[in-house]
PDB file of N, CA and C in Angstrom:
ATOM      1  N   MET A   1      27.034  -6.475   9.417  1.00  0.00           N
ATOM      2  CA  MET A   1      25.782  -5.875   8.825  1.00  0.00           C
ATOM      3  C   MET A   1      25.074  -7.006   8.429  1.00  0.00           C
ATOM      4  N   THR A   2      23.789  -6.964   8.509  1.00  0.00           N
ATOM      5  CA  THR A   2      22.917  -7.887   7.736  1.00  0.00           C
ATOM      6  C   THR A   2      22.393  -7.721   6.418  1.00  0.00           C
ATOM      7  N   GLU A   3      22.063  -8.591   5.615  1.00  0.00           N
ATOM      8  CA  GLU A   3      21.415  -8.104   4.399  1.00  0.00           C
ATOM      9  C   GLU A   3      20.019  -7.831   4.673  1.00  0.00           C
ATOM     10  N   PRO A   4      19.461  -6.725   3.918  1.00  0.00           N
ATOM     11  CA  PRO A   4      17.970  -6.369   4.231  1.00  0.00           C
ATOM     12  C   PRO A   4      17.199  -7.655   3.722  1.00  0.00           C
ATOM     13  N   ASP A   5      15.833  -7.899   4.422  1.00  0.00           N
ATOM     14  CA  ASP A   5      15.098  -9.063   3.822  1.00  0.00           C
ATOM     15  C   ASP A   5      14.383  -8.539   2.576  1.00  0.00           C
ATOM     16  N   SER A   6      14.439  -9.262   1.394  1.00  0.00           N
ATOM     17  CA  SER A   6      14.059  -8.996   0.237  1.00  0.00           C
ATOM     18  C   SER A   6      13.122 -10.208  -0.224  1.00  0.00           C
ATOM     19  N   GLN A   7      12.051  -9.870  -0.955  1.00  0.00           N
ATOM     20  CA  GLN A   7      11.190 -10.801  -1.741  1.00  0.00           C
ATOM     21  C   GLN A   7      10.669 -10.427  -2.833  1.00  0.00           C
ATOM     22  N   GLN A   8      10.357 -11.360  -3.846  1.00  0.00           N
ATOM     23  CA  GLN A   8       9.517 -10.802  -5.031  1.00  0.00           C
ATOM     24  C   GLN A   8       8.255 -10.437  -4.802  1.00  0.00           C
ATOM     25  N   LEU A   9       7.537  -9.472  -5.069  1.00  0.00           N
ATOM     26  CA  LEU A   9       6.427  -8.906  -4.779  1.00  0.00           C
ATOM     27  C   LEU A   9       5.276  -9.687  -5.532  1.00  0.00           C
ATOM     28  N   PHE A  10       5.288 -10.026  -6.778  1.00  0.00           N
ATOM     29  CA  PHE A  10       4.406 -10.405  -7.763  1.00  0.00           C
ATOM     30  C   PHE A  10       4.779 -11.847  -7.924  1.00  0.00           C
ATOM     31  N   LEU A  11       4.517 -12.869  -6.944  1.00  0.00           N
ATOM     32  CA  LEU A  11       4.538 -14.274  -7.049  1.00  0.00           C
ATOM     33  C   LEU A  11       3.184 -14.872  -7.082  1.00  0.00           C
ATOM     34  N   PHE A  12       2.825 -16.049  -7.894  1.00  0.00           N
ATOM     35  CA  PHE A  12       1.747 -16.756  -7.789  1.00  0.00           C
ATOM     36  C   PHE A  12       1.694 -17.569  -6.495  1.00  0.00           C
ATOM     37  N   GLU A  13       0.700 -17.535  -5.464  1.00  0.00           N
ATOM     38  CA  GLU A  13       0.417 -18.364  -4.496  1.00  0.00           C
ATOM     39  C   GLU A  13      -0.694 -19.208  -4.648  1.00  0.00           C
ATOM     40  N   HIS A  14      -0.486 -20.579  -4.630  1.00  0.00           N
ATOM     41  CA  HIS A  14      -1.487 -21.447  -5.067  1.00  0.00           C
ATOM     42  C   HIS A  14      -2.685 -21.502  -3.981  1.00  0.00           C
ATOM     43  N   ASP A  15      -2.186 -21.628  -2.629  1.00  0.00           N
ATOM     44  CA  ASP A  15      -3.350 -21.729  -1.604  1.00  0.00           C
ATOM     45  C   ASP A  15      -3.773 -20.385  -1.142  1.00  0.00           C
ATOM     46  N   ALA A  16      -5.248 -20.246  -0.821  1.00  0.00           N
ATOM     47  CA  ALA A  16      -5.856 -19.322  -0.596  1.00  0.00           C
ATOM     48  C   ALA A  16      -6.993 -19.498   0.469  1.00  0.00           C
ATOM     49  N   THR A  17      -7.322 -18.345   1.396  1.00  0.00           N
ATOM     50  CA  THR A  17      -8.165 -18.694   2.401  1.00  0.00           C
ATOM     51  C   THR A  17      -9.572 -17.948   2.197  1.00  0.00           C
ATOM     52  N   ARG A  18     -10.547 -18.359   2.533  1.00  0.00           N
ATOM     53  CA  ARG A  18     -11.880 -17.821   2.182  1.00  0.00           C
ATOM     54  C   ARG A  18     -12.087 -16.553   3.087  1.00  0.00           C
ATOM     55  N   LEU A  19     -11.492 -16.909   4.579  1.00  0.00           N
ATOM     56  CA  LEU A  19     -11.537 -15.735   5.440  1.00  0.00           C
ATOM     57  C   LEU A  19     -10.813 -14.486   4.912  1.00  0.00           C
ATOM     58  N   GLU A  20      -9.520 -14.744   4.483  1.00  0.00           N
ATOM     59  CA  GLU A  20      -8.889 -13.598   4.170  1.00  0.00           C
ATOM     60  C   GLU A  20      -9.625 -12.994   2.873  1.00  0.00           C
ATOM     61  N   LEU A  21     -10.261 -13.487   2.037  1.00  0.00           N
ATOM     62  CA  LEU A  21     -11.002 -13.150   1.012  1.00  0.00           C
ATOM     63  C   LEU A  21     -12.067 -12.090   1.658  1.00  0.00           C
ATOM     64  N   LEU A  22     -12.660 -12.387   2.760  1.00  0.00           N
ATOM     65  CA  LEU A  22     -13.766 -11.608   3.379  1.00  0.00           C
ATOM     66  C   LEU A  22     -13.154 -10.419   3.829  1.00  0.00           C
ATOM     67  N   VAL A  23     -11.975 -10.508   4.637  1.00  0.00           N
ATOM     68  CA  VAL A  23     -11.188  -9.506   5.372  1.00  0.00           C
ATOM     69  C   VAL A  23     -10.667  -8.385   4.137  1.00  0.00           C
ATOM     70  N   ARG A  24     -10.444  -9.171   3.192  1.00  0.00           N
ATOM     71  CA  ARG A  24      -9.717  -8.156   2.034  1.00  0.00           C
ATOM     72  C   ARG A  24     -10.718  -7.054   1.673  1.00  0.00           C
ATOM     73  N   ILE A  25     -12.045  -7.230   1.673  1.00  0.00           N
ATOM     74  CA  ILE A  25     -13.014  -6.212   1.263  1.00  0.00           C
ATOM     75  C   ILE A  25     -12.715  -5.057   2.276  1.00  0.00           C
ATOM     76  N   VAL A  26     -12.598  -5.245   3.491  1.00  0.00           N
ATOM     77  CA  VAL A  26     -12.371  -3.952   4.484  1.00  0.00           C
ATOM     78  C   VAL A  26     -11.168  -3.404   4.116  1.00  0.00           C
ATOM     79  N   TYR A  27     -10.180  -4.328   3.947  1.00  0.00           N
ATOM     80  CA  TYR A  27      -8.651  -3.614   3.521  1.00  0.00           C
ATOM     81  C   TYR A  27      -8.550  -2.885   2.180  1.00  0.00           C
ATOM     82  N   TRP A  28      -9.447  -3.296   1.225  1.00  0.00           N
ATOM     83  CA  TRP A  28      -9.506  -2.718   0.044  1.00  0.00           C
ATOM     84  C   TRP A  28     -10.027  -1.114   0.140  1.00  0.00           C
ATOM     85  N   ILE A  29     -11.030  -1.153   1.033  1.00  0.00           N
ATOM     86  CA  ILE A  29     -11.518   0.069   1.238  1.00  0.00           C
ATOM     87  C   ILE A  29     -10.659   1.145   2.026  1.00  0.00           C
ATOM     88  N   ALA A  30      -9.964   0.543   3.113  1.00  0.00           N
ATOM     89  CA  ALA A  30      -8.962   1.293   3.808  1.00  0.00           C
ATOM     90  C   ALA A  30      -7.767   1.644   3.092  1.00  0.00           C
ATOM     91  N   ILE A  31      -7.287   0.768   2.186  1.00  0.00           N
ATOM     92  CA  ILE A  31      -6.061   1.091   1.434  1.00  0.00           C
ATOM     93  C   ILE A  31      -6.555   1.943   0.233  1.00  0.00           C
ATOM     94  N   GLY A  32      -7.699   1.947  -0.091  1.00  0.00           N
ATOM     95  CA  GLY A  32      -8.253   2.907  -1.219  1.00  0.00           C
ATOM     96  C   GLY A  32      -8.352   4.297  -0.958  1.00  0.00           C
ATOM     97  N   ILE A  33      -8.899   4.474   0.324  1.00  0.00           N
ATOM     98  CA  ILE A  33      -8.839   5.831   1.009  1.00  0.00           C
ATOM     99  C   ILE A  33      -7.387   6.327   1.120  1.00  0.00           C
ATOM    100  N   ILE A  34      -6.695   5.690   1.782  1.00  0.00           N
ATOM    101  CA  ILE A  34      -5.363   6.182   2.254  1.00  0.00           C
ATOM    102  C   ILE A  34      -4.722   6.416   0.657  1.00  0.00           C
ATOM    103  N   ALA A  35      -4.748   5.603  -0.142  1.00  0.00           N
ATOM    104  CA  ALA A  35      -4.047   5.946  -1.565  1.00  0.00           C
ATOM    105  C   ALA A  35      -4.641   6.977  -2.317  1.00  0.00           C
ATOM    106  N   TRP A  36      -5.824   7.237  -2.169  1.00  0.00           N
ATOM    107  CA  TRP A  36      -6.626   8.371  -2.626  1.00  0.00           C
ATOM    108  C   TRP A  36      -6.013   9.597  -2.157  1.00  0.00           C
ATOM    109  N   VAL A  37      -6.187   9.727  -0.856  1.00  0.00           N
ATOM    110  CA  VAL A  37      -5.323  11.013  -0.250  1.00  0.00           C
ATOM    111  C   VAL A  37      -4.057  11.122  -0.394  1.00  0.00           C
ATOM    112  N   TYR A  38      -3.174  10.093  -0.404  1.00  0.00           N
ATOM    113  CA  TYR A  38      -1.763  10.299  -0.734  1.00  0.00           C
ATOM    114  C   TYR A  38      -1.542  10.547  -2.020  1.00  0.00           C
ATOM    115  N   GLY A  39      -2.405   9.934  -3.063  1.00  0.00           N
ATOM    116  CA  GLY A  39      -2.294  10.209  -4.383  1.00  0.00           C
ATOM    117  C   GLY A  39      -2.687  11.857  -4.594  1.00  0.00           C
ATOM    118  N   ILE A  40      -3.797  12.387  -4.080  1.00  0.00           N
ATOM    119  CA  ILE A  40      -3.969  13.963  -4.173  1.00  0.00           C
ATOM    120  C   ILE A  40      -2.566  14.736  -3.807  1.00  0.00           C
ATOM    121  N   LEU A  41      -2.025  14.208  -2.517  1.00  0.00           N
ATOM    122  CA  LEU A  41      -0.894  14.970  -1.972  1.00  0.00           C
ATOM    123  C   LEU A  41       0.196  14.905  -2.949  1.00  0.00           C
ATOM    124  N   ALA A  42       0.540  13.651  -3.478  1.00  0.00           N
ATOM    125  CA  ALA A  42       1.543  13.272  -4.438  1.00  0.00           C
ATOM    126  C   ALA A  42       1.418  14.253  -5.694  1.00  0.00           C
ATOM    127  N   LEU A  43       0.172  14.203  -6.099  1.00  0.00           N
ATOM    128  CA  LEU A  43      -0.120  15.165  -7.254  1.00  0.00           C
ATOM    129  C   LEU A  43       0.116  16.722  -7.176  1.00  0.00           C
ATOM    130  N   ILE A  44       0.024  17.128  -5.961  1.00  0.00           N
ATOM    131  CA  ILE A  44       0.075  18.709  -5.460  1.00  0.00           C
ATOM    132  C   ILE A  44       1.541  18.772  -5.602  1.00  0.00           C
ATOM    133  N   ALA A  45       2.574  17.675  -4.810  1.00  0.00           N
ATOM    134  CA  ALA A  45       3.807  17.749  -4.973  1.00  0.00           C
ATOM    135  C   ALA A  45       4.515  17.800  -6.335  1.00  0.00           C
ATOM    136  N   LEU A  46       3.854  16.970  -6.983  1.00  0.00           N
ATOM    137  CA  LEU A  46       4.371  17.024  -8.650  1.00  0.00           C
ATOM    138  C   LEU A  46       4.226  18.318  -9.253  1.00  0.00           C
ATOM    139  N   VAL A  47       3.019  18.959  -8.925  1.00  0.00           N
ATOM    140  CA  VAL A  47       2.946  20.319  -9.624  1.00  0.00           C
ATOM    141  C   VAL A  47       3.982  21.193  -9.073  1.00  0.00           C
ATOM    142  N   ILE A  48       3.958  21.125  -7.758  1.00  0.00           N
ATOM    143  CA  ILE A  48       5.010  22.289  -7.334  1.00  0.00           C
ATOM    144  C   ILE A  48       6.297  21.718  -7.696  1.00  0.00           C
ATOM    145  N   GLN A  49       6.592  20.540  -7.839  1.00  0.00           N
ATOM    146  CA  GLN A  49       8.060  19.998  -8.397  1.00  0.00           C
ATOM    147  C   GLN A  49       8.224  20.647  -9.758  1.00  0.00           C
ATOM    148  N   TRP A  50       7.283  20.585 -10.563  1.00  0.00           N
ATOM    149  CA  TRP A  50       7.108  21.092 -11.829  1.00  0.00           C
ATOM    150  C   TRP A  50       7.611  22.718 -12.046  1.00  0.00           C
ATOM    151  N   PHE A  51       6.959  23.422 -11.039  1.00  0.00           N
ATOM    152  CA  PHE A  51       7.360  24.798 -11.065  1.00  0.00           C
ATOM    153  C   PHE A  51       8.740  25.048 -10.540  1.00  0.00           C
ATOM    154  N   HIS A  52       9.201  24.254  -9.542  1.00  0.00           N
ATOM    155  CA  HIS A  52      10.518  24.345  -8.972  1.00  0.00           C
ATOM    156  C   HIS A  52      11.500  24.007 -10.132  1.00  0.00           C
ATOM    157  N   ILE A  53      11.342  23.035 -10.709  1.00  0.00           N
ATOM    158  CA  ILE A  53      12.321  22.967 -11.883  1.00  0.00           C
ATOM    159  C   ILE A  53      12.062  24.004 -13.085  1.00  0.00           C
ATOM    160  N   LEU A  54      10.766  24.423 -13.200  1.00  0.00           N
ATOM    161  CA  LEU A  54      11.006  25.590 -14.139  1.00  0.00           C
ATOM    162  C   LEU A  54      11.541  26.829 -13.842  1.00  0.00           C
ATOM    163  N   ILE A  55      11.171  27.228 -12.446  1.00  0.00           N
ATOM    164  CA  ILE A  55      11.941  28.506 -11.912  1.00  0.00           C
ATOM    165  C   ILE A  55      13.481  28.364 -11.801  1.00  0.00           C
ATOM    166  N   LEU A  56      13.882  27.218 -11.026  1.00  0.00           N
ATOM    167  CA  LEU A  56      15.216  27.161 -10.567  1.00  0.00           C
ATOM    168  C   LEU A  56      16.206  26.280 -11.264  1.00  0.00           C
ATOM    169  N   GLY A  57      15.499  25.465 -12.256  1.00  0.00           N
ATOM    170  CA  GLY A  57      16.387  24.497 -13.074  1.00  0.00           C
ATOM    171  C   GLY A  57      16.834  23.345 -12.467  1.00  0.00           C
ATOM    172  N   ARG A  58      16.191  22.746 -11.241  1.00  0.00           N
ATOM    173  CA  ARG A  58      16.873  21.501 -10.410  1.00  0.00           C
ATOM    174  C   ARG A  58      15.487  21.178  -9.693  1.00  0.00           C
ATOM    175  N   ARG A  59      15.687  19.900  -9.332  1.00  0.00           N
ATOM    176  CA  ARG A  59      14.715  19.086  -8.738  1.00  0.00           C
ATOM    177  C   ARG A  59      14.781  19.472  -6.933  1.00  0.00           C
ATOM    178  N   ASN A  60      13.740  19.340  -6.357  1.00  0.00           N
ATOM    179  CA  ASN A  60      13.607  19.415  -4.846  1.00  0.00           C
ATOM    180  C   ASN A  60      13.578  17.730  -4.192  1.00  0.00           C
ATOM    181  N   GLN A  61      14.691  17.686  -3.461  1.00  0.00           N
ATOM    182  CA  GLN A  61      14.687  16.190  -2.926  1.00  0.00           C
ATOM    183  C   GLN A  61      13.424  16.017  -2.160  1.00  0.00           C
ATOM    184  N   SER A  62      12.826  16.818  -1.317  1.00  0.00           N
ATOM    185  CA  SER A  62      11.728  16.381  -0.663  1.00  0.00           C
ATOM    186  C   SER A  62      10.570  16.087  -1.429  1.00  0.00           C
ATOM    187  N   LEU A  63      10.302  16.724  -2.312  1.00  0.00           N
ATOM    188  CA  LEU A  63       9.128  16.772  -3.221  1.00  0.00           C
ATOM    189  C   LEU A  63       9.296  15.386  -3.988  1.00  0.00           C
ATOM    190  N   SER A  64      10.620  15.166  -4.362  1.00  0.00           N
ATOM    191  CA  SER A  64      10.614  13.832  -5.274  1.00  0.00           C
ATOM    192  C   SER A  64      10.620  12.737  -4.139  1.00  0.00           C
ATOM    193  N   ASP A  65      11.096  12.735  -3.021  1.00  0.00           N
ATOM    194  CA  ASP A  65      10.976  11.765  -1.939  1.00  0.00           C
ATOM    195  C   ASP A  65       9.368  11.457  -1.843  1.00  0.00           C
ATOM    196  N   PHE A  66       8.677  12.231  -1.658  1.00  0.00           N
ATOM    197  CA  PHE A  66       7.133  12.267  -1.238  1.00  0.00           C
ATOM    198  C   PHE A  66       6.413  11.553  -2.521  1.00  0.00           C
ATOM    199  N   ALA A  67       6.919  11.863  -3.744  1.00  0.00           N
ATOM    200  CA  ALA A  67       6.228  11.111  -4.966  1.00  0.00           C
ATOM    201  C   ALA A  67       6.662   9.904  -4.906  1.00  0.00           C
ATOM    202  N   ARG A  68       7.955   9.527  -4.720  1.00  0.00           N
ATOM    203  CA  ARG A  68       8.407   8.081  -4.725  1.00  0.00           C
ATOM    204  C   ARG A  68       7.756   7.292  -3.696  1.00  0.00           C
ATOM    205  N   GLY A  69       7.506   8.047  -2.492  1.00  0.00           N
ATOM    206  CA  GLY A  69       6.725   7.357  -1.305  1.00  0.00           C
ATOM    207  C   GLY A  69       5.384   6.875  -1.767  1.00  0.00           C
ATOM    208  N   TYR A  70       4.745   7.614  -2.583  1.00  0.00           N
ATOM    209  CA  TYR A  70       3.386   7.284  -2.977  1.00  0.00           C
ATOM    210  C   TYR A  70       3.646   6.121  -3.877  1.00  0.00           C
ATOM    211  N   LEU A  71       4.470   6.091  -4.799  1.00  0.00           N
ATOM    212  CA  LEU A  71       4.488   5.176  -5.778  1.00  0.00           C
ATOM    213  C   LEU A  71       5.207   3.671  -5.189  1.00  0.00           C
ATOM    214  N   GLU A  72       5.889   4.035  -3.946  1.00  0.00           N
ATOM    215  CA  GLU A  72       6.334   2.708  -3.308  1.00  0.00           C
ATOM    216  C   GLU A  72       5.058   2.046  -2.568  1.00  0.00           C
ATOM    217  N   TYR A  73       4.258   2.901  -2.008  1.00  0.00           N
ATOM    218  CA  TYR A  73       2.934   2.405  -1.334  1.00  0.00           C
ATOM    219  C   TYR A  73       2.073   1.765  -2.052  1.00  0.00           C
ATOM    220  N   THR A  74       1.815   2.277  -3.316  1.00  0.00           N
ATOM    221  CA  THR A  74       0.860   1.641  -4.248  1.00  0.00           C
ATOM    222  C   THR A  74       1.353   0.292  -4.768  1.00  0.00           C
ATOM    223  N   VAL A  75       2.674   0.313  -5.277  1.00  0.00           N
ATOM    224  CA  VAL A  75       3.386  -0.901  -5.784  1.00  0.00           C
ATOM    225  C   VAL A  75       3.295  -2.095  -4.789  1.00  0.00           C
ATOM    226  N   HIS A  76       3.804  -1.621  -3.491  1.00  0.00           N
ATOM    227  CA  HIS A  76       3.924  -2.578  -2.469  1.00  0.00           C
ATOM    228  C   HIS A  76       2.298  -3.418  -2.158  1.00  0.00           C
ATOM    229  N   ARG A  77       1.462  -2.652  -2.384  1.00  0.00           N
ATOM    230  CA  ARG A  77       0.055  -3.063  -2.057  1.00  0.00           C
ATOM    231  C   ARG A  77      -0.624  -3.793  -3.082  1.00  0.00           C
ATOM    232  N   LEU A  78      -0.129  -3.810  -4.529  1.00  0.00           N
ATOM    233  CA  LEU A  78      -0.695  -4.100  -5.485  1.00  0.00           C
ATOM    234  C   LEU A  78      -1.084  -5.734  -5.592  1.00  0.00           C
ATOM    235  N   PRO A  79       0.072  -6.502  -4.874  1.00  0.00           N
ATOM    236  CA  PRO A  79      -0.246  -8.012  -4.921  1.00  0.00           C
ATOM    237  C   PRO A  79      -1.519  -8.443  -4.224  1.00  0.00           C
ATOM    238  N   TYR A  80      -1.382  -7.536  -3.102  1.00  0.00           N
ATOM    239  CA  TYR A  80      -2.753  -7.936  -2.099  1.00  0.00           C
ATOM    240  C   TYR A  80      -4.038  -7.574  -2.701  1.00  0.00           C
ATOM    241  N   VAL A  81      -4.135  -6.216  -3.485  1.00  0.00           N
ATOM    242  CA  VAL A  81      -5.301  -5.728  -3.843  1.00  0.00           C
ATOM    243  C   VAL A  81      -5.768  -6.575  -5.067  1.00  0.00           C
ATOM    244  N   TYR A  82      -4.938  -7.138  -5.645  1.00  0.00           N
ATOM    245  CA  TYR A  82      -5.119  -7.952  -7.162  1.00  0.00           C
ATOM    246  C   TYR A  82      -5.340  -9.379  -6.783  1.00  0.00           C
ATOM    247  N   ILE A  83      -5.454  -9.854  -5.462  1.00  0.00           N
ATOM    248  CA  ILE A  83      -5.648 -11.117  -5.124  1.00  0.00           C
ATOM    249  C   ILE A  83      -4.595 -11.983  -5.479  1.00  0.00           C
ATOM    250  N   MET A  84      -3.407 -11.684  -5.313  1.00  0.00           N
ATOM    251  CA  MET A  84      -2.243 -12.422  -6.020  1.00  0.00           C
ATOM    252  C   MET A  84      -1.666 -13.245  -4.598  1.00  0.00           C
ATOM    253  N   THR A  85      -1.805 -12.746  -3.542  1.00  0.00           N
ATOM    254  CA  THR A  85      -1.212 -13.112  -2.190  1.00  0.00           C
ATOM    255  C   THR A  85      -2.172 -12.961  -1.025  1.00  0.00           C
ATOM    256  N   ASP A  86      -2.191 -13.822   0.126  1.00  0.00           N
ATOM    257  CA  ASP A  86      -2.784 -13.430   1.218  1.00  0.00           C
ATOM    258  C   ASP A  86      -1.914 -12.688   2.381  1.00  0.00           C
ATOM    259  N   ARG A  87      -0.868 -12.338   1.954  1.00  0.00           N
ATOM    260  CA  ARG A  87       0.172 -11.573   2.857  1.00  0.00           C
ATOM    261  C   ARG A  87      -0.388 -10.373   2.933  1.00  0.00           C
ATOM    262  N   ARG A  88      -0.859  -9.932   4.111  1.00  0.00           N
ATOM    263  CA  ARG A  88      -1.731  -8.630   4.273  1.00  0.00           C
ATOM    264  C   ARG A  88      -0.460  -7.411   4.519  1.00  0.00           C
ATOM    265  N   PRO A  89      -0.568  -6.330   3.717  1.00  0.00           N
ATOM    266  CA  PRO A  89       0.407  -5.493   3.927  1.00  0.00           C
ATOM    267  C   PRO A  89      -0.137  -4.384   4.989  1.00  0.00           C
ATOM    268  N   ALA A  90       0.732  -3.563   5.618  1.00  0.00           N
ATOM    269  CA  ALA A  90       0.291  -2.365   6.396  1.00  0.00           C
ATOM    270  C   ALA A  90      -0.819  -1.467   5.653  1.00  0.00           C
ATOM    271  N   ILE A  91      -1.763  -0.983   6.368  1.00  0.00           N
ATOM    272  CA  ILE A  91      -2.581  -0.070   5.545  1.00  0.00           C
ATOM    273  C   ILE A  91      -1.840   1.448   5.620  1.00  0.00           C
ATOM    274  N   MET A  92      -1.146   1.805   6.526  1.00  0.00           N
ATOM    275  CA  MET A  92      -0.594   3.103   6.444  1.00  0.00           C
ATOM    276  C   MET A  92       0.817   2.878   5.758  1.00  0.00           C
ATOM    277  N   PRO A  93       1.088   3.978   5.171  1.00  0.00           N
ATOM    278  CA  PRO A  93       2.560   3.954   4.537  1.00  0.00           C
ATOM    279  C   PRO A  93       3.695   3.535   5.507  1.00  0.00           C
ATOM    280  N   ASP A  94       4.644   2.536   4.986  1.00  0.00           N
ATOM    281  CA  ASP A  94       5.693   2.071   5.634  1.00  0.00           C
ATOM    282  C   ASP A  94       6.832   2.245   4.714  1.00  0.00           C
ATOM    283  N   PRO A  95       7.979   2.043   5.249  1.00  0.00           N
ATOM    284  CA  PRO A  95       9.378   2.192   4.499  1.00  0.00           C
ATOM    285  C   PRO A  95       9.575   0.924   3.581  1.00  0.00           C
ATOM    286  N   VAL A  96       9.537   0.963   2.448  1.00  0.00           N
ATOM    287  CA  VAL A  96       9.698  -0.037   1.486  1.00  0.00           C
ATOM    288  C   VAL A  96      10.560   0.472   0.249  1.00  0.00           C
ATOM    289  N   LYS A  97      11.334  -0.307  -0.257  1.00  0.00           N
ATOM    290  CA  LYS A  97      12.158  -0.097  -1.315  1.00  0.00           C
ATOM    291  C   LYS A  97      11.852  -0.983  -2.498  1.00  0.00           C
ATOM    292  N   ILE A  98      11.522  -0.438  -3.665  1.00  0.00           N
ATOM    293  CA  ILE A  98      11.317  -1.067  -4.957  1.00  0.00           C
ATOM    294  C   ILE A  98      12.371  -1.112  -5.953  1.00  0.00           C
ATOM    295  N   PHE A  99      12.804  -2.241  -6.311  1.00  0.00           N
ATOM    296  CA  PHE A  99      14.019  -2.221  -7.369  1.00  0.00           C
ATOM    297  C   PHE A  99      13.758  -2.968  -8.643  1.00  0.00           C
ATOM    298  N   GLU A 100      14.304  -2.349  -9.688  1.00  0.00           N
ATOM    299  CA  GLU A 100      14.410  -3.161 -10.790  1.00  0.00           C
ATOM    300  C   GLU A 100      15.418  -3.986 -11.198  1.00  0.00           C
ATOM    301  N   GLN A 101      15.126  -5.036 -11.718  1.00  0.00           N
ATOM    302  CA  GLN A 101      16.050  -6.127 -12.077  1.00  0.00           C
ATOM    303  C   GLN A 101      15.974  -6.097 -13.415  1.00  0.00           C
ATOM    304  N   THR A 102      17.165  -5.953 -14.249  1.00  0.00           N
ATOM    305  CA  THR A 102      17.128  -6.169 -15.551  1.00  0.00           C
ATOM    306  C   THR A 102      18.006  -7.310 -16.077  1.00  0.00           C
ATOM    307  N   GLN A 103      17.368  -7.884 -17.139  1.00  0.00           N
ATOM    308  CA  GLN A 103      18.058  -9.027 -17.871  1.00  0.00           C
ATOM    309  C   GLN A 103      19.301  -8.529 -18.593  1.00  0.00           C
ATOM    310  N   LYS A 104      20.409  -9.147 -18.584  1.00  0.00           N
ATOM    311  CA  LYS A 104      21.592  -8.821 -19.122  1.00  0.00           C
ATOM    312  C   LYS A 104      21.628  -9.771 -20.510  1.00  0.00           C
ATOM    313  N   GLU A 105      21.508  -9.372 -21.621  1.00  0.00           N
ATOM    314  CA  GLU A 105      21.503 -10.029 -22.932  1.00  0.00           C
ATOM    315  C   GLU A 105      23.032 -10.475 -23.155  1.00  0.00           C
ATOM    316  N   ASN A 106      23.115 -11.746 -23.760  1.00  0.00           N
ATOM    317  CA  ASN A 106      24.495 -12.085 -24.246  1.00  0.00           C
ATOM    318  C   ASN A 106      24.968 -11.984 -25.453  1.00  0.00           C
TER     319      ASN A 106
END
């Protein structure tokens, strides 16, 4: 079994290309439209989840996965949108895992 390919998302990259800066404008528009629609659907899923918890006293896995997918979508595209990297992400949602790494205090 191979280890999944992982990399830190928010790293400073010194080199940048002017062409990518121009392409980025079109990508911003496309990513913005997808994120807006996905966000509205995620908000609807969260409202349904709220009522699901209120009535049944437990969470629905599918609704939770949908909301998590929206968060993973936006976080995965932030470095490109905020001009931190030239690595262009996919416009449409793709499977991504976001992990938190905590520092242990001595």
